[in-house]
Amino acid sequence: MGTVLHVIYLFSFFQMLFLFQRCPRYIQPQNLTQNLTSVSEFFLLGLSDDPELQPLLCVLFLSTYLVTVLGNLLIILAIISDPHLHTPMYFFLSNLSLADIGFVPTTVPKMIVNILTHSRVISYGGCLMQMSSFILFGCMDGMLLSMMSYDRFVAICHPLHYLVIMNPHLCFCLVLVSFFGSLMDSQVHNLIVLQLTCFKDVEISNYFCDPSLLLKLACFDTFTNNIILYLTGAIFAFVLFSGIFFSYYKILSSILRVPSSGGRHKAFSTCGSHLIVVCLYYGTGLGVYLSSAISQSPRKDALASVMYTVVTPMLNPFIYSLRNRDIKRALCRFLNKTI
């Protein structure tokens, strides 16, 4: 897990250097009504223009940020400190918590800073960096959830061969595949956005740099780029969701063959938390997509994005800790040792 984290930090450092080298020059604000051949910054619309709501939003987002980071960090520390949890299932869970810790800081801190400084400006390089990190960690969440469904499939359908199939080498390789697959997806988005040399406007109707909104700001036809992005996303989501659906189809078939109701309940309880997180992750993602396609209000689209970018990562630690006895015991032991 530490090796993967080091790779992520190293990649982010070199990517930031690359983005700042590609950052175009500044254009005067009075020319914003014309097509912009070069920009050095964008303006984030945010969630509300009401000055009275700004302190409340700041406190709310700061609280969710701290709860998310602290909750996922406790999950990781509890798994590391308890030898009984050094199993493939909890290895994937710790990496999922690590991805959530990286996912939330891509959007929330910038929004809090903008509220405190009464500014909505984000630099061109910062926008691309935010977009790249957002896609990287968001895709890692989806891929790790798919890996965890495969782990539950092997544990329930092939229990006698579980430790042989889900060996440490395979688990580490699956995490690396999820990282590099997510990295490839984020770089596809980056390469497409870097081709945009002309913008109609610099105001992004959200509180973070959404790649689809950046394409809408382009002053030339981006139909081909949109097709590439949506096709890449559709293939990515289809492969992941198909793996989860197939795994749970096999799991359900195996559970229904268990003769006793107690055995069925015990078998299904091992994957109940994961199933809730999967429904939450894909449900909020689909809801954001549908709301943006139907709604014509940028504010409503931004509010819908909060569910996907903030609420879901915050709820994951609670779902796993409240529904999992092993995690609760490990957390209690860790907290007792610490205190």
C-alpha atoms as a PDB file:
ATOM      1  CA  MET A   1       0.000   0.000   0.000  1.00  0.00           C
ATOM      2  CA  GLY A   2       2.840   2.376   0.836  1.00  0.00           C
ATOM      3  CA  THR A   3       4.509   1.669  -2.510  1.00  0.00           C
ATOM      4  CA  VAL A   4       1.313   2.554  -4.390  1.00  0.00           C
ATOM      5  CA  LEU A   5       1.011   5.797  -2.407  1.00  0.00           C
ATOM      6  CA  HIS A   6       4.591   6.767  -3.231  1.00  0.00           C
ATOM      7  CA  VAL A   7       3.943   6.124  -6.930  1.00  0.00           C
ATOM      8  CA  ILE A   8       0.843   8.347  -6.800  1.00  0.00           C
ATOM      9  CA  TYR A   9       2.731  11.213  -5.131  1.00  0.00           C
ATOM     10  CA  LEU A  10       5.647  10.916  -7.560  1.00  0.00           C
ATOM     11  CA  PHE A  11       3.314  10.933 -10.547  1.00  0.00           C
ATOM     12  CA  SER A  12       1.421  13.968  -9.228  1.00  0.00           C
ATOM     13  CA  PHE A  13       4.666  15.910  -8.811  1.00  0.00           C
ATOM     14  CA  PHE A  14       5.867  15.302 -12.364  1.00  0.00           C
ATOM     15  CA  GLN A  15       2.402  15.895 -13.777  1.00  0.00           C
ATOM     16  CA  MET A  16       2.197  19.291 -12.078  1.00  0.00           C
ATOM     17  CA  LEU A  17       5.534  20.290 -13.624  1.00  0.00           C
ATOM     18  CA  PHE A  18       4.247  19.256 -17.040  1.00  0.00           C
ATOM     19  CA  LEU A  19       0.984  21.124 -16.673  1.00  0.00           C
ATOM     20  CA  PHE A  20       2.626  24.382 -15.626  1.00  0.00           C
ATOM     21  CA  GLN A  21       4.914  24.168 -18.626  1.00  0.00           C
ATOM     22  CA  ARG A  22       1.868  23.855 -20.872  1.00  0.00           C
ATOM     23  CA  CYS A  23      -0.055  26.631 -19.093  1.00  0.00           C
ATOM     24  CA  PRO A  24      -1.000  29.388 -21.586  1.00  0.00           C
ATOM     25  CA  ARG A  25      -0.432  33.039 -20.952  1.00  0.00           C
ATOM     26  CA  TYR A  26      -2.864  35.375 -19.259  1.00  0.00           C
ATOM     27  CA  ILE A  27      -5.557  37.268 -21.119  1.00  0.00           C
ATOM     28  CA  GLN A  28      -7.128  40.497 -19.891  1.00  0.00           C
ATOM     29  CA  PRO A  29     -10.531  40.119 -18.133  1.00  0.00           C
ATOM     30  CA  GLN A  30     -12.213  42.743 -20.335  1.00  0.00           C
ATOM     31  CA  ASN A  31     -11.973  40.371 -23.309  1.00  0.00           C
ATOM     32  CA  LEU A  32     -13.964  37.591 -21.650  1.00  0.00           C
ATOM     33  CA  THR A  33     -16.948  38.144 -23.952  1.00  0.00           C
ATOM     34  CA  GLN A  34     -14.844  37.197 -26.961  1.00  0.00           C
ATOM     35  CA  ASN A  35     -13.266  33.906 -27.908  1.00  0.00           C
ATOM     36  CA  LEU A  36     -10.193  33.377 -25.758  1.00  0.00           C
ATOM     37  CA  THR A  37      -7.188  32.047 -27.599  1.00  0.00           C
ATOM     38  CA  SER A  38      -5.280  31.691 -24.324  1.00  0.00           C
ATOM     39  CA  VAL A  39      -6.219  31.647 -20.634  1.00  0.00           C
ATOM     40  CA  SER A  40      -4.257  31.341 -17.418  1.00  0.00           C
ATOM     41  CA  GLU A  41      -7.167  30.913 -15.030  1.00  0.00           C
ATOM     42  CA  PHE A  42     -10.797  29.846 -14.754  1.00  0.00           C
ATOM     43  CA  PHE A  43     -13.608  30.982 -12.459  1.00  0.00           C
ATOM     44  CA  LEU A  44     -15.584  28.410 -10.480  1.00  0.00           C
ATOM     45  CA  LEU A  45     -19.288  29.163 -10.115  1.00  0.00           C
ATOM     46  CA  GLY A  46     -19.553  27.470  -6.697  1.00  0.00           C
ATOM     47  CA  LEU A  47     -22.733  26.366  -4.943  1.00  0.00           C
ATOM     48  CA  SER A  48     -24.283  29.696  -3.946  1.00  0.00           C
ATOM     49  CA  ASP A  49     -23.859  33.439  -4.344  1.00  0.00           C
ATOM     50  CA  ASP A  50     -25.611  34.209  -1.065  1.00  0.00           C
ATOM     51  CA  PRO A  51     -23.043  35.818   1.326  1.00  0.00           C
ATOM     52  CA  GLU A  52     -24.976  34.568   4.361  1.00  0.00           C
ATOM     53  CA  LEU A  53     -24.630  30.956   3.224  1.00  0.00           C
ATOM     54  CA  GLN A  54     -20.862  31.110   2.694  1.00  0.00           C
ATOM     55  CA  PRO A  55     -19.868  30.588   6.403  1.00  0.00           C
ATOM     56  CA  LEU A  56     -22.343  27.703   6.673  1.00  0.00           C
ATOM     57  CA  LEU A  57     -20.981  26.076   3.504  1.00  0.00           C
ATOM     58  CA  CYS A  58     -17.426  26.539   4.764  1.00  0.00           C
ATOM     59  CA  VAL A  59     -18.186  24.866   8.121  1.00  0.00           C
ATOM     60  CA  LEU A  60     -20.207  22.100   6.448  1.00  0.00           C
ATOM     61  CA  PHE A  61     -17.558  21.198   3.879  1.00  0.00           C
ATOM     62  CA  LEU A  62     -14.714  21.486   6.378  1.00  0.00           C
ATOM     63  CA  SER A  63     -16.566  19.119   8.731  1.00  0.00           C
ATOM     64  CA  THR A  64     -17.242  16.556   6.000  1.00  0.00           C
ATOM     65  CA  TYR A  65     -13.633  16.813   4.836  1.00  0.00           C
ATOM     66  CA  LEU A  66     -12.253  16.140   8.320  1.00  0.00           C
ATOM     67  CA  VAL A  67     -14.736  13.328   8.972  1.00  0.00           C
ATOM     68  CA  THR A  68     -13.896  11.671   5.647  1.00  0.00           C
ATOM     69  CA  VAL A  69     -10.130  11.854   6.090  1.00  0.00           C
ATOM     70  CA  LEU A  70     -10.227  10.847   9.759  1.00  0.00           C
ATOM     71  CA  GLY A  71     -12.720   8.016   9.205  1.00  0.00           C
ATOM     72  CA  ASN A  72     -10.819   6.462   6.318  1.00  0.00           C
ATOM     73  CA  LEU A  73      -7.499   6.946   8.124  1.00  0.00           C
ATOM     74  CA  LEU A  74      -8.852   5.098  11.171  1.00  0.00           C
ATOM     75  CA  ILE A  75      -9.958   2.230   8.922  1.00  0.00           C
ATOM     76  CA  ILE A  76      -6.443   1.973   7.450  1.00  0.00           C
ATOM     77  CA  LEU A  77      -4.712   2.169  10.846  1.00  0.00           C
ATOM     78  CA  ALA A  78      -7.074  -0.396  12.364  1.00  0.00           C
ATOM     79  CA  ILE A  79      -6.384  -2.854   9.527  1.00  0.00           C
ATOM     80  CA  ILE A  80      -2.617  -2.325   9.734  1.00  0.00           C
ATOM     81  CA  SER A  81      -2.524  -2.709  13.530  1.00  0.00           C
ATOM     82  CA  ASP A  82      -4.602  -5.909  13.699  1.00  0.00           C
ATOM     83  CA  PRO A  83      -2.889  -9.058  12.344  1.00  0.00           C
ATOM     84  CA  HIS A  84      -6.291 -10.799  12.064  1.00  0.00           C
ATOM     85  CA  LEU A  85      -7.267  -8.300   9.371  1.00  0.00           C
ATOM     86  CA  HIS A  86      -4.259  -8.951   7.149  1.00  0.00           C
ATOM     87  CA  THR A  87      -6.449 -10.714   4.596  1.00  0.00           C
ATOM     88  CA  PRO A  88      -7.233  -9.924   0.937  1.00  0.00           C
ATOM     89  CA  MET A  89     -10.657  -8.445   1.745  1.00  0.00           C
ATOM     90  CA  TYR A  90      -9.248  -5.915   4.203  1.00  0.00           C
ATOM     91  CA  PHE A  91      -6.245  -5.248   1.986  1.00  0.00           C
ATOM     92  CA  PHE A  92      -8.635  -4.027  -0.720  1.00  0.00           C
ATOM     93  CA  LEU A  93     -10.664  -2.121   1.873  1.00  0.00           C
ATOM     94  CA  SER A  94      -7.570  -0.272   3.101  1.00  0.00           C
ATOM     95  CA  ASN A  95      -6.706   0.713  -0.476  1.00  0.00           C
ATOM     96  CA  LEU A  96     -10.303   1.853  -1.034  1.00  0.00           C
ATOM     97  CA  SER A  97      -9.998   4.070   2.053  1.00  0.00           C
ATOM     98  CA  LEU A  98      -6.673   5.362   0.713  1.00  0.00           C
ATOM     99  CA  ALA A  99      -8.320   6.230  -2.607  1.00  0.00           C
ATOM    100  CA  ASP A 100     -11.117   8.069  -0.750  1.00  0.00           C
ATOM    101  CA  ILE A 101      -8.525  10.038   1.224  1.00  0.00           C
ATOM    102  CA  GLY A 102      -6.987  11.119  -2.087  1.00  0.00           C
ATOM    103  CA  PHE A 103     -10.372  11.713  -3.754  1.00  0.00           C
ATOM    104  CA  VAL A 104     -11.882  14.281  -1.362  1.00  0.00           C
ATOM    105  CA  PRO A 105      -8.858  16.682  -1.186  1.00  0.00           C
ATOM    106  CA  THR A 106      -9.020  17.174  -4.963  1.00  0.00           C
ATOM    107  CA  THR A 107     -12.166  19.320  -4.667  1.00  0.00           C
ATOM    108  CA  VAL A 108     -13.108  20.274  -1.083  1.00  0.00           C
ATOM    109  CA  PRO A 109      -9.998  22.227   0.113  1.00  0.00           C
ATOM    110  CA  LYS A 110     -10.051  24.469  -2.974  1.00  0.00           C
ATOM    111  CA  MET A 111     -13.705  25.255  -2.377  1.00  0.00           C
ATOM    112  CA  ILE A 112     -13.048  26.090   1.299  1.00  0.00           C
ATOM    113  CA  VAL A 113     -10.142  28.366   0.315  1.00  0.00           C
ATOM    114  CA  ASN A 114     -12.311  30.113  -2.277  1.00  0.00           C
ATOM    115  CA  ILE A 115     -15.006  30.766   0.340  1.00  0.00           C
ATOM    116  CA  LEU A 116     -12.533  32.098   2.904  1.00  0.00           C
ATOM    117  CA  THR A 117     -10.716  34.335   0.409  1.00  0.00           C
ATOM    118  CA  HIS A 118     -13.922  35.393  -1.421  1.00  0.00           C
ATOM    119  CA  SER A 119     -12.305  34.290  -4.660  1.00  0.00           C
ATOM    120  CA  ARG A 120     -13.392  31.806  -7.322  1.00  0.00           C
ATOM    121  CA  VAL A 121     -10.204  31.799  -9.349  1.00  0.00           C
ATOM    122  CA  ILE A 122      -8.333  28.604 -10.162  1.00  0.00           C
ATOM    123  CA  SER A 123      -5.239  28.606 -12.348  1.00  0.00           C
ATOM    124  CA  TYR A 124      -5.134  26.767 -15.666  1.00  0.00           C
ATOM    125  CA  GLY A 125      -2.536  24.316 -14.379  1.00  0.00           C
ATOM    126  CA  GLY A 126      -4.392  23.915 -11.083  1.00  0.00           C
ATOM    127  CA  CYS A 127      -7.612  23.179 -12.953  1.00  0.00           C
ATOM    128  CA  LEU A 128      -5.986  20.459 -15.046  1.00  0.00           C
ATOM    129  CA  MET A 129      -4.292  19.021 -11.968  1.00  0.00           C
ATOM    130  CA  GLN A 130      -7.587  18.974 -10.086  1.00  0.00           C
ATOM    131  CA  MET A 131      -9.370  17.330 -12.991  1.00  0.00           C
ATOM    132  CA  SER A 132      -6.652  14.701 -13.399  1.00  0.00           C
ATOM    133  CA  SER A 133      -6.568  13.825  -9.678  1.00  0.00           C
ATOM    134  CA  PHE A 134     -10.368  13.741  -9.512  1.00  0.00           C
ATOM    135  CA  ILE A 135     -10.600  11.222 -12.358  1.00  0.00           C
ATOM    136  CA  LEU A 136      -7.630   9.207 -11.067  1.00  0.00           C
ATOM    137  CA  PHE A 137      -8.996   8.619  -7.562  1.00  0.00           C
ATOM    138  CA  GLY A 138     -12.621   8.400  -8.713  1.00  0.00           C
ATOM    139  CA  CYS A 139     -11.763   5.636 -11.181  1.00  0.00           C
ATOM    140  CA  MET A 140      -9.658   3.891  -8.536  1.00  0.00           C
ATOM    141  CA  ASP A 141     -12.739   3.746  -6.309  1.00  0.00           C
ATOM    142  CA  GLY A 142     -14.718   2.035  -9.062  1.00  0.00           C
ATOM    143  CA  MET A 143     -11.964  -0.422  -9.949  1.00  0.00           C
ATOM    144  CA  LEU A 144     -11.273  -1.335  -6.313  1.00  0.00           C
ATOM    145  CA  LEU A 145     -14.985  -1.981  -5.738  1.00  0.00           C
ATOM    146  CA  SER A 146     -14.881  -4.342  -8.710  1.00  0.00           C
ATOM    147  CA  MET A 147     -11.792  -6.099  -7.280  1.00  0.00           C
ATOM    148  CA  MET A 148     -13.561  -6.445  -3.924  1.00  0.00           C
ATOM    149  CA  SER A 149     -16.583  -8.057  -5.584  1.00  0.00           C
ATOM    150  CA  TYR A 150     -14.261 -10.621  -7.189  1.00  0.00           C
ATOM    151  CA  ASP A 151     -12.702 -11.248  -3.775  1.00  0.00           C
ATOM    152  CA  ARG A 152     -16.167 -11.914  -2.276  1.00  0.00           C
ATOM    153  CA  PHE A 153     -16.998 -14.185  -5.227  1.00  0.00           C
ATOM    154  CA  VAL A 154     -13.922 -16.340  -4.592  1.00  0.00           C
ATOM    155  CA  ALA A 155     -14.511 -16.369  -0.809  1.00  0.00           C
ATOM    156  CA  ILE A 156     -18.125 -17.571  -1.095  1.00  0.00           C
ATOM    157  CA  CYS A 157     -18.060 -19.704  -4.238  1.00  0.00           C
ATOM    158  CA  HIS A 158     -14.566 -21.224  -3.801  1.00  0.00           C
ATOM    159  CA  PRO A 159     -13.866 -21.063  -0.035  1.00  0.00           C
ATOM    160  CA  LEU A 160     -11.426 -24.006   0.028  1.00  0.00           C
ATOM    161  CA  HIS A 161      -9.196 -22.399  -2.602  1.00  0.00           C
ATOM    162  CA  TYR A 162      -9.599 -18.805  -1.384  1.00  0.00           C
ATOM    163  CA  LEU A 163      -6.126 -18.301   0.098  1.00  0.00           C
ATOM    164  CA  VAL A 164      -4.513 -20.005  -2.891  1.00  0.00           C
ATOM    165  CA  ILE A 165      -6.353 -17.908  -5.484  1.00  0.00           C
ATOM    166  CA  MET A 166      -6.287 -14.590  -3.594  1.00  0.00           C
ATOM    167  CA  ASN A 167      -2.598 -14.752  -2.757  1.00  0.00           C
ATOM    168  CA  PRO A 168      -0.661 -11.585  -1.819  1.00  0.00           C
ATOM    169  CA  HIS A 169       1.000 -11.370  -5.232  1.00  0.00           C
ATOM    170  CA  LEU A 170      -2.355 -11.369  -7.066  1.00  0.00           C
ATOM    171  CA  CYS A 171      -3.859  -8.821  -4.644  1.00  0.00           C
ATOM    172  CA  PHE A 172      -0.948  -6.438  -5.115  1.00  0.00           C
ATOM    173  CA  CYS A 173      -1.135  -6.848  -8.907  1.00  0.00           C
ATOM    174  CA  LEU A 174      -4.881  -6.103  -8.880  1.00  0.00           C
ATOM    175  CA  VAL A 175      -4.276  -2.875  -6.946  1.00  0.00           C
ATOM    176  CA  LEU A 176      -1.560  -1.867  -9.419  1.00  0.00           C
ATOM    177  CA  VAL A 177      -3.915  -2.621 -12.321  1.00  0.00           C
ATOM    178  CA  SER A 178      -6.567  -0.408 -10.744  1.00  0.00           C
ATOM    179  CA  PHE A 179      -4.045   2.420 -10.312  1.00  0.00           C
ATOM    180  CA  PHE A 180      -2.569   2.287 -13.810  1.00  0.00           C
ATOM    181  CA  GLY A 181      -6.014   1.808 -15.404  1.00  0.00           C
ATOM    182  CA  SER A 182      -7.263   4.904 -13.586  1.00  0.00           C
ATOM    183  CA  LEU A 183      -4.082   6.761 -14.520  1.00  0.00           C
ATOM    184  CA  MET A 184      -4.627   5.949 -18.184  1.00  0.00           C
ATOM    185  CA  ASP A 185      -8.212   7.207 -18.035  1.00  0.00           C
ATOM    186  CA  SER A 186      -7.164  10.467 -16.366  1.00  0.00           C
ATOM    187  CA  GLN A 187      -4.456  11.036 -18.972  1.00  0.00           C
ATOM    188  CA  VAL A 188      -6.932  10.523 -21.810  1.00  0.00           C
ATOM    189  CA  HIS A 189      -9.014  13.353 -20.329  1.00  0.00           C
ATOM    190  CA  ASN A 190      -5.900  15.491 -19.862  1.00  0.00           C
ATOM    191  CA  LEU A 191      -4.718  15.028 -23.435  1.00  0.00           C
ATOM    192  CA  ILE A 192      -8.139  15.961 -24.807  1.00  0.00           C
ATOM    193  CA  VAL A 193      -8.422  19.101 -22.652  1.00  0.00           C
ATOM    194  CA  LEU A 194      -4.847  20.153 -23.491  1.00  0.00           C
ATOM    195  CA  GLN A 195      -5.868  20.252 -27.164  1.00  0.00           C
ATOM    196  CA  LEU A 196      -8.343  23.043 -26.417  1.00  0.00           C
ATOM    197  CA  THR A 197      -6.686  26.250 -27.590  1.00  0.00           C
ATOM    198  CA  CYS A 198      -9.741  28.505 -27.705  1.00  0.00           C
ATOM    199  CA  PHE A 199     -12.453  29.153 -25.095  1.00  0.00           C
ATOM    200  CA  LYS A 200     -15.785  30.995 -25.286  1.00  0.00           C
ATOM    201  CA  ASP A 201     -15.755  31.725 -21.564  1.00  0.00           C
ATOM    202  CA  VAL A 202     -13.700  31.010 -18.435  1.00  0.00           C
ATOM    203  CA  GLU A 203     -16.557  30.441 -15.962  1.00  0.00           C
ATOM    204  CA  ILE A 204     -17.039  26.790 -14.953  1.00  0.00           C
ATOM    205  CA  SER A 205     -20.551  26.140 -13.671  1.00  0.00           C
ATOM    206  CA  ASN A 206     -19.475  23.931 -10.779  1.00  0.00           C
ATOM    207  CA  TYR A 207     -17.259  24.106  -7.700  1.00  0.00           C
ATOM    208  CA  PHE A 208     -14.488  22.038  -9.323  1.00  0.00           C
ATOM    209  CA  CYS A 209     -13.029  21.529 -12.789  1.00  0.00           C
ATOM    210  CA  ASP A 210     -15.381  19.081 -14.444  1.00  0.00           C
ATOM    211  CA  PRO A 211     -13.888  17.812 -17.755  1.00  0.00           C
ATOM    212  CA  SER A 212     -17.276  17.783 -19.500  1.00  0.00           C
ATOM    213  CA  LEU A 213     -17.816  21.447 -18.545  1.00  0.00           C
ATOM    214  CA  LEU A 214     -14.365  22.381 -19.844  1.00  0.00           C
ATOM    215  CA  LEU A 215     -15.250  20.873 -23.205  1.00  0.00           C
ATOM    216  CA  LYS A 216     -18.456  22.934 -23.290  1.00  0.00           C
ATOM    217  CA  LEU A 217     -16.361  26.102 -22.941  1.00  0.00           C
ATOM    218  CA  ALA A 218     -14.407  25.348 -26.118  1.00  0.00           C
ATOM    219  CA  CYS A 219     -15.156  27.751 -28.972  1.00  0.00           C
ATOM    220  CA  PHE A 220     -14.960  25.051 -31.646  1.00  0.00           C
ATOM    221  CA  ASP A 221     -16.857  21.819 -32.219  1.00  0.00           C
ATOM    222  CA  THR A 222     -15.811  19.177 -29.668  1.00  0.00           C
ATOM    223  CA  PHE A 223     -18.106  16.416 -30.944  1.00  0.00           C
ATOM    224  CA  THR A 224     -15.225  14.030 -31.599  1.00  0.00           C
ATOM    225  CA  ASN A 225     -13.646  14.709 -28.215  1.00  0.00           C
ATOM    226  CA  ASN A 226     -17.001  14.192 -26.499  1.00  0.00           C
ATOM    227  CA  ILE A 227     -17.451  10.893 -28.300  1.00  0.00           C
ATOM    228  CA  ILE A 228     -13.984   9.757 -27.163  1.00  0.00           C
ATOM    229  CA  LEU A 229     -14.645  10.764 -23.547  1.00  0.00           C
ATOM    230  CA  TYR A 230     -18.094   9.215 -23.359  1.00  0.00           C
ATOM    231  CA  LEU A 231     -16.965   6.063 -25.162  1.00  0.00           C
ATOM    232  CA  THR A 232     -14.000   5.675 -22.815  1.00  0.00           C
ATOM    233  CA  GLY A 233     -16.217   6.237 -19.787  1.00  0.00           C
ATOM    234  CA  ALA A 234     -18.904   3.875 -21.070  1.00  0.00           C
ATOM    235  CA  ILE A 235     -16.413   1.067 -21.742  1.00  0.00           C
ATOM    236  CA  PHE A 236     -14.748   1.656 -18.376  1.00  0.00           C
ATOM    237  CA  ALA A 237     -18.052   1.632 -16.476  1.00  0.00           C
ATOM    238  CA  PHE A 238     -19.432  -1.328 -18.445  1.00  0.00           C
ATOM    239  CA  VAL A 239     -16.394  -3.526 -17.740  1.00  0.00           C
ATOM    240  CA  LEU A 240     -16.422  -2.686 -14.026  1.00  0.00           C
ATOM    241  CA  PHE A 241     -20.169  -3.025 -13.582  1.00  0.00           C
ATOM    242  CA  SER A 242     -20.223  -6.273 -15.580  1.00  0.00           C
ATOM    243  CA  GLY A 243     -17.569  -7.720 -13.267  1.00  0.00           C
ATOM    244  CA  ILE A 244     -19.562  -6.701 -10.185  1.00  0.00           C
ATOM    245  CA  PHE A 245     -22.836  -8.006 -11.660  1.00  0.00           C
ATOM    246  CA  PHE A 246     -21.289 -11.353 -12.656  1.00  0.00           C
ATOM    247  CA  SER A 247     -19.662 -11.767  -9.222  1.00  0.00           C
ATOM    248  CA  TYR A 248     -22.898 -11.124  -7.350  1.00  0.00           C
ATOM    249  CA  TYR A 249     -24.875 -13.315  -9.729  1.00  0.00           C
ATOM    250  CA  LYS A 250     -22.565 -16.200  -8.850  1.00  0.00           C
ATOM    251  CA  ILE A 251     -22.625 -15.248  -5.163  1.00  0.00           C
ATOM    252  CA  LEU A 252     -26.433 -15.196  -5.085  1.00  0.00           C
ATOM    253  CA  SER A 253     -26.637 -18.534  -6.898  1.00  0.00           C
ATOM    254  CA  SER A 254     -24.211 -20.056  -4.412  1.00  0.00           C
ATOM    255  CA  ILE A 255     -26.027 -18.623  -1.374  1.00  0.00           C
ATOM    256  CA  LEU A 256     -29.418 -19.908  -2.535  1.00  0.00           C
ATOM    257  CA  ARG A 257     -27.985 -23.441  -2.611  1.00  0.00           C
ATOM    258  CA  VAL A 258     -27.081 -23.270   1.093  1.00  0.00           C
ATOM    259  CA  PRO A 259     -29.657 -25.424   2.951  1.00  0.00           C
ATOM    260  CA  SER A 260     -29.922 -23.502   6.238  1.00  0.00           C
ATOM    261  CA  SER A 261     -31.203 -19.929   6.553  1.00  0.00           C
ATOM    262  CA  GLY A 262     -28.468 -19.203   9.109  1.00  0.00           C
ATOM    263  CA  GLY A 263     -25.787 -20.239   6.629  1.00  0.00           C
ATOM    264  CA  ARG A 264     -27.334 -18.072   3.915  1.00  0.00           C
ATOM    265  CA  HIS A 265     -27.450 -15.079   6.246  1.00  0.00           C
ATOM    266  CA  LYS A 266     -23.844 -15.589   7.331  1.00  0.00           C
ATOM    267  CA  ALA A 267     -22.631 -15.932   3.739  1.00  0.00           C
ATOM    268  CA  PHE A 268     -24.484 -12.849   2.530  1.00  0.00           C
ATOM    269  CA  SER A 269     -23.490 -10.720   5.553  1.00  0.00           C
ATOM    270  CA  THR A 270     -19.839 -10.931   4.476  1.00  0.00           C
ATOM    271  CA  CYS A 271     -20.604  -8.903   1.341  1.00  0.00           C
ATOM    272  CA  GLY A 272     -23.487  -6.734   2.596  1.00  0.00           C
ATOM    273  CA  SER A 273     -21.326  -3.678   3.327  1.00  0.00           C
ATOM    274  CA  HIS A 274     -19.623  -3.902  -0.049  1.00  0.00           C
ATOM    275  CA  LEU A 275     -22.966  -4.169  -1.836  1.00  0.00           C
ATOM    276  CA  ILE A 276     -24.248  -1.028  -0.063  1.00  0.00           C
ATOM    277  CA  VAL A 277     -21.105   0.924  -1.044  1.00  0.00           C
ATOM    278  CA  VAL A 278     -21.420  -0.277  -4.670  1.00  0.00           C
ATOM    279  CA  CYS A 279     -25.056   0.873  -4.833  1.00  0.00           C
ATOM    280  CA  LEU A 280     -24.116   4.205  -3.248  1.00  0.00           C
ATOM    281  CA  TYR A 281     -21.160   4.769  -5.587  1.00  0.00           C
ATOM    282  CA  TYR A 282     -22.901   3.870  -8.848  1.00  0.00           C
ATOM    283  CA  GLY A 283     -26.265   5.253  -7.726  1.00  0.00           C
ATOM    284  CA  THR A 284     -24.926   8.734  -6.961  1.00  0.00           C
ATOM    285  CA  GLY A 285     -22.752   8.697 -10.106  1.00  0.00           C
ATOM    286  CA  LEU A 286     -25.746   7.781 -12.274  1.00  0.00           C
ATOM    287  CA  GLY A 287     -27.872  10.370 -10.471  1.00  0.00           C
ATOM    288  CA  VAL A 288     -25.335  13.122 -11.198  1.00  0.00           C
ATOM    289  CA  TYR A 289     -25.187  12.108 -14.862  1.00  0.00           C
ATOM    290  CA  LEU A 290     -28.983  12.042 -15.256  1.00  0.00           C
ATOM    291  CA  SER A 291     -29.470  15.324 -13.395  1.00  0.00           C
ATOM    292  CA  SER A 292     -26.913  17.071 -15.606  1.00  0.00           C
ATOM    293  CA  ALA A 293     -28.589  15.659 -18.717  1.00  0.00           C
ATOM    294  CA  ILE A 294     -32.139  16.660 -17.668  1.00  0.00           C
ATOM    295  CA  SER A 295     -31.651  19.776 -15.546  1.00  0.00           C
ATOM    296  CA  GLN A 296     -30.854  23.132 -17.124  1.00  0.00           C
ATOM    297  CA  SER A 297     -29.744  24.708 -13.836  1.00  0.00           C
ATOM    298  CA  PRO A 298     -25.971  24.796 -13.186  1.00  0.00           C
ATOM    299  CA  ARG A 299     -26.608  25.235  -9.452  1.00  0.00           C
ATOM    300  CA  LYS A 300     -28.655  22.042  -9.265  1.00  0.00           C
ATOM    301  CA  ASP A 301     -25.961  20.164 -11.183  1.00  0.00           C
ATOM    302  CA  ALA A 302     -23.333  21.429  -8.729  1.00  0.00           C
ATOM    303  CA  LEU A 303     -25.466  20.358  -5.750  1.00  0.00           C
ATOM    304  CA  ALA A 304     -25.940  16.931  -7.306  1.00  0.00           C
ATOM    305  CA  SER A 305     -22.159  16.623  -7.681  1.00  0.00           C
ATOM    306  CA  VAL A 306     -21.767  17.073  -3.915  1.00  0.00           C
ATOM    307  CA  MET A 307     -23.427  13.681  -3.329  1.00  0.00           C
ATOM    308  CA  TYR A 308     -20.867  11.946  -5.525  1.00  0.00           C
ATOM    309  CA  THR A 309     -17.726  13.872  -4.607  1.00  0.00           C
ATOM    310  CA  VAL A 310     -18.252  14.504  -0.880  1.00  0.00           C
ATOM    311  CA  VAL A 311     -21.065  12.471   0.698  1.00  0.00           C
ATOM    312  CA  THR A 312     -20.190   9.027  -0.703  1.00  0.00           C
ATOM    313  CA  PRO A 313     -16.511   9.003   0.438  1.00  0.00           C
ATOM    314  CA  MET A 314     -17.642  10.246   3.860  1.00  0.00           C
ATOM    315  CA  LEU A 315     -20.199   7.443   4.297  1.00  0.00           C
ATOM    316  CA  ASN A 316     -17.888   4.576   3.268  1.00  0.00           C
ATOM    317  CA  PRO A 317     -16.027   4.311   6.621  1.00  0.00           C
ATOM    318  CA  PHE A 318     -19.299   4.390   8.564  1.00  0.00           C
ATOM    319  CA  ILE A 319     -20.850   1.663   6.412  1.00  0.00           C
ATOM    320  CA  TYR A 320     -17.888  -0.676   6.832  1.00  0.00           C
ATOM    321  CA  SER A 321     -17.290   0.069  10.526  1.00  0.00           C
ATOM    322  CA  LEU A 322     -20.933  -0.154  11.626  1.00  0.00           C
ATOM    323  CA  ARG A 323     -21.736  -3.331   9.688  1.00  0.00           C
ATOM    324  CA  ASN A 324     -18.477  -5.195  10.249  1.00  0.00           C
ATOM    325  CA  ARG A 325     -17.717  -6.680  13.670  1.00  0.00           C
ATOM    326  CA  ASP A 326     -14.054  -7.292  12.864  1.00  0.00           C
ATOM    327  CA  ILE A 327     -13.538  -3.630  11.927  1.00  0.00           C
ATOM    328  CA  LYS A 328     -15.363  -2.446  15.059  1.00  0.00           C
ATOM    329  CA  ARG A 329     -13.227  -4.665  17.292  1.00  0.00           C
ATOM    330  CA  ALA A 330     -10.016  -3.600  15.561  1.00  0.00           C
ATOM    331  CA  LEU A 331     -11.008   0.078  15.888  1.00  0.00           C
ATOM    332  CA  CYS A 332     -11.760  -0.338  19.597  1.00  0.00           C
ATOM    333  CA  ARG A 333      -8.420  -2.067  20.217  1.00  0.00           C
ATOM    334  CA  PHE A 334      -6.529   0.546  18.216  1.00  0.00           C
ATOM    335  CA  LEU A 335      -8.236   3.456  19.995  1.00  0.00           C
ATOM    336  CA  ASN A 336      -7.665   1.865  23.388  1.00  0.00           C
ATOM    337  CA  LYS A 337      -3.966   1.425  22.628  1.00  0.00           C
ATOM    338  CA  THR A 338      -3.686   4.964  21.331  1.00  0.00           C
ATOM    339  CA  ILE A 339      -5.524   6.596  24.211  1.00  0.00           C
END
